[in-house]
């Protein structure tokens, strides 16, 4: 059963994971580069993050993958690049990973896409016995809107976890 979310603290998907955990009372944490650096400056101390001795983003990424039971990458795009691609590559080597991307265009032909995305996430968490989940994805400047999109997905997950019969959007 999921009891903790960890992230690297960057803007975008990472920060959405942290804010979701705080909003729902879920334990949170993760590892961040020296100086608590992110693209918007120093990461706020309200987030329970451990500062590494290095300022390296790849070192931070690897540590969060290693310290979790699995990684979910949230992205508005199917094709990943930069640090998000590195996360996918490392997670494929080090542990289970799930990439959830925005399927709104596909929803025109499949109105069940949102339900299926949330179901895939639930199955990933259950089948891999995830207790500590690494939430990852692009920074907000690379994919504007990824923070809100990720937070919405996590809220739908929380809704389904509380009421398995409830469908997303109800």
Protein backbone atom coordinates (compact mmCIF):
# COMPACT_ATOMS: atom_id res chain seq x y z
CA UNK A 1 0.00 0.00 0.00
CA UNK A 2 1.31 3.41 -0.99
CA UNK A 3 2.45 5.40 2.03
CA UNK A 4 5.07 7.84 0.68
CA UNK A 5 5.79 9.92 -2.41
CA UNK A 6 9.30 11.04 -3.23
CA UNK A 7 10.51 13.40 -5.94
CA UNK A 8 13.50 15.46 -6.95
CA UNK A 9 11.67 18.70 -6.11
CA UNK A 10 11.90 20.30 -9.55
CA UNK A 11 9.06 22.47 -10.85
CA UNK A 12 6.37 20.68 -12.85
CA UNK A 13 5.55 17.01 -12.22
CA UNK A 14 7.91 16.66 -9.22
CA UNK A 15 6.39 19.62 -7.39
CA UNK A 16 2.87 18.37 -8.15
CA UNK A 17 3.77 15.10 -6.42
CA UNK A 18 4.99 16.93 -3.34
CA UNK A 19 1.96 19.23 -3.19
CA UNK A 20 -0.39 16.28 -3.63
CA UNK A 21 1.27 14.44 -0.75
CA UNK A 22 0.95 17.47 1.52
CA UNK A 23 -2.67 18.04 0.43
CA UNK A 24 -3.65 14.44 1.24
CA UNK A 25 -1.50 13.94 4.33
CA UNK A 26 0.71 11.37 2.62
CA UNK A 27 4.31 11.17 3.78
CA UNK A 28 6.67 12.81 1.29
CA UNK A 29 10.37 13.30 0.69
CA UNK A 30 13.10 12.73 -1.83
CA UNK A 31 16.60 13.82 -2.70
CA UNK A 32 17.59 17.14 -4.23
CA UNK A 33 20.82 18.68 -5.49
CA UNK A 34 23.10 20.66 -3.16
CA UNK A 35 21.58 24.06 -2.47
CA UNK A 36 18.05 22.62 -2.97
CA UNK A 37 18.31 23.96 -6.51
CA UNK A 38 15.47 23.98 -9.01
CA UNK A 39 14.70 26.09 -12.05
CA UNK A 40 12.68 28.55 -9.93
CA UNK A 41 15.47 28.96 -7.35
CA UNK A 42 15.86 27.33 -3.96
CA UNK A 43 13.24 24.65 -3.18
CA UNK A 44 11.04 25.69 -0.27
CA UNK A 45 11.86 24.18 3.13
CA UNK A 46 8.23 23.08 3.62
CA UNK A 47 9.11 20.09 1.45
CA UNK A 48 10.82 17.30 3.44
CA UNK A 49 13.68 16.81 1.03
CA UNK A 50 17.23 15.63 1.67
CA UNK A 51 19.98 17.73 0.15
CA UNK A 52 22.72 15.74 -1.55
CA UNK A 53 26.39 16.70 -1.33
CA UNK A 54 26.46 17.15 -5.12
CA UNK A 55 24.66 19.67 -7.31
CA UNK A 56 24.18 17.01 -10.01
CA UNK A 57 20.63 16.49 -11.28
CA UNK A 58 21.47 12.98 -12.61
CA UNK A 59 22.74 11.95 -9.15
CA UNK A 60 19.50 13.21 -7.64
CA UNK A 61 17.46 11.32 -10.25
CA UNK A 62 19.30 8.05 -9.62
CA UNK A 63 19.00 8.33 -5.82
CA UNK A 64 15.23 8.87 -5.96
CA UNK A 65 14.81 5.85 -8.24
CA UNK A 66 16.99 3.72 -5.94
CA UNK A 67 15.12 4.80 -2.80
CA UNK A 68 11.67 4.06 -4.24
CA UNK A 69 9.78 0.87 -5.03
CA UNK A 70 8.87 2.23 -8.47
CA UNK A 71 8.72 5.36 -10.60
CA UNK A 72 5.80 6.98 -12.40
CA UNK A 73 6.69 9.54 -15.04
CA UNK A 74 3.95 12.05 -15.81
CA UNK A 75 4.33 13.94 -19.08
CA UNK A 76 2.20 15.84 -21.54
CA UNK A 77 4.14 14.17 -24.35
CA UNK A 78 4.64 10.57 -25.34
CA UNK A 79 8.24 11.27 -26.42
CA UNK A 80 10.55 12.16 -23.53
CA UNK A 81 13.75 14.20 -23.59
CA UNK A 82 16.47 15.55 -21.30
CA UNK A 83 16.28 14.66 -17.64
CA UNK A 84 12.90 12.98 -18.04
CA UNK A 85 14.36 10.62 -20.65
CA UNK A 86 17.27 9.92 -18.28
CA UNK A 87 14.74 9.09 -15.56
CA UNK A 88 12.99 6.61 -17.85
CA UNK A 89 16.27 4.99 -18.90
CA UNK A 90 17.56 4.65 -15.32
CA UNK A 91 14.22 3.46 -13.97
CA UNK A 92 14.03 0.79 -16.67
CA UNK A 93 17.36 -0.56 -15.35
CA UNK A 94 16.78 -0.10 -11.62
CA UNK A 95 13.13 -0.82 -10.97
CA UNK A 96 9.59 -0.77 -12.27
CA UNK A 97 8.52 2.32 -14.19
CA UNK A 98 5.27 3.56 -15.69
CA UNK A 99 5.03 6.45 -18.16
CA UNK A 100 1.67 8.23 -18.15
CA UNK A 101 1.28 10.83 -20.86
CA UNK A 102 -1.50 13.13 -21.96
CA UNK A 103 -3.92 11.21 -24.16
CA UNK A 104 -6.49 13.99 -24.62
CA UNK A 105 -6.11 13.82 -28.39
CA UNK A 106 -6.76 10.09 -28.28
CA UNK A 107 -9.78 10.61 -26.02
CA UNK A 108 -11.72 11.77 -29.10
CA UNK A 109 -11.75 8.16 -30.27
CA UNK A 110 -11.63 6.59 -26.78
CA UNK A 111 -13.75 8.28 -24.11
CA UNK A 112 -12.47 5.74 -21.55
CA UNK A 113 -8.85 6.97 -21.76
CA UNK A 114 -8.88 8.73 -18.40
CA UNK A 115 -10.38 5.71 -16.64
CA UNK A 116 -7.82 3.43 -18.31
CA UNK A 117 -4.90 5.70 -17.32
CA UNK A 118 -5.97 5.69 -13.67
CA UNK A 119 -6.56 1.93 -13.80
CA UNK A 120 -3.07 1.41 -15.25
CA UNK A 121 -1.61 3.46 -12.42
CA UNK A 122 -3.54 1.49 -9.79
CA UNK A 123 -2.43 -1.81 -11.35
CA UNK A 124 1.19 -0.61 -11.46
CA UNK A 125 1.09 0.30 -7.77
CA UNK A 126 -0.61 -2.96 -6.74
CA UNK A 127 1.27 -5.42 -8.94
CA UNK A 128 4.64 -3.98 -7.91
CA UNK A 129 3.64 -3.61 -4.24
CA UNK A 130 4.65 0.05 -4.30
CA UNK A 131 4.93 1.61 -0.86
CA UNK A 132 7.34 4.41 -1.81
CA UNK A 133 6.57 5.97 -5.19
CA UNK A 134 8.98 8.19 -7.08
CA UNK A 135 6.95 10.82 -8.98
CA UNK A 136 8.90 12.25 -11.89
CA UNK A 137 8.45 14.17 -15.11
CA UNK A 138 9.47 17.29 -16.95
CA UNK A 139 9.99 20.67 -15.37
CA UNK A 140 7.27 23.25 -15.91
CA UNK A 141 9.33 25.33 -18.37
CA UNK A 142 9.76 22.30 -20.67
CA UNK A 143 6.07 21.34 -20.59
CA UNK A 144 3.91 24.25 -19.44
CA UNK A 145 0.85 22.87 -17.67
CA UNK A 146 2.46 19.61 -16.54
CA UNK A 147 2.15 20.62 -12.87
CA UNK A 148 -1.64 21.03 -13.04
CA UNK A 149 -2.07 17.95 -15.26
CA UNK A 150 -0.01 15.76 -12.89
CA UNK A 151 -1.81 17.06 -9.81
CA UNK A 152 -5.16 16.28 -11.46
CA UNK A 153 -4.07 12.71 -12.27
CA UNK A 154 -2.91 12.15 -8.70
CA UNK A 155 -6.21 13.50 -7.36
CA UNK A 156 -8.13 11.08 -9.61
CA UNK A 157 -5.94 8.27 -8.28
CA UNK A 158 -6.73 9.31 -4.72
CA UNK A 159 -10.45 9.45 -5.51
CA UNK A 160 -10.38 5.92 -6.97
CA UNK A 161 -8.36 4.60 -4.03
CA UNK A 162 -11.03 5.87 -1.61
CA UNK A 163 -13.96 4.65 -3.74
CA UNK A 164 -12.99 1.93 -6.28
CA UNK A 165 -16.45 2.06 -7.91
CA UNK A 166 -16.23 5.78 -8.62
CA UNK A 167 -15.21 6.70 -12.15
CA UNK A 168 -12.83 9.61 -12.89
CA UNK A 169 -14.75 12.83 -13.40
CA UNK A 170 -17.73 11.78 -11.25
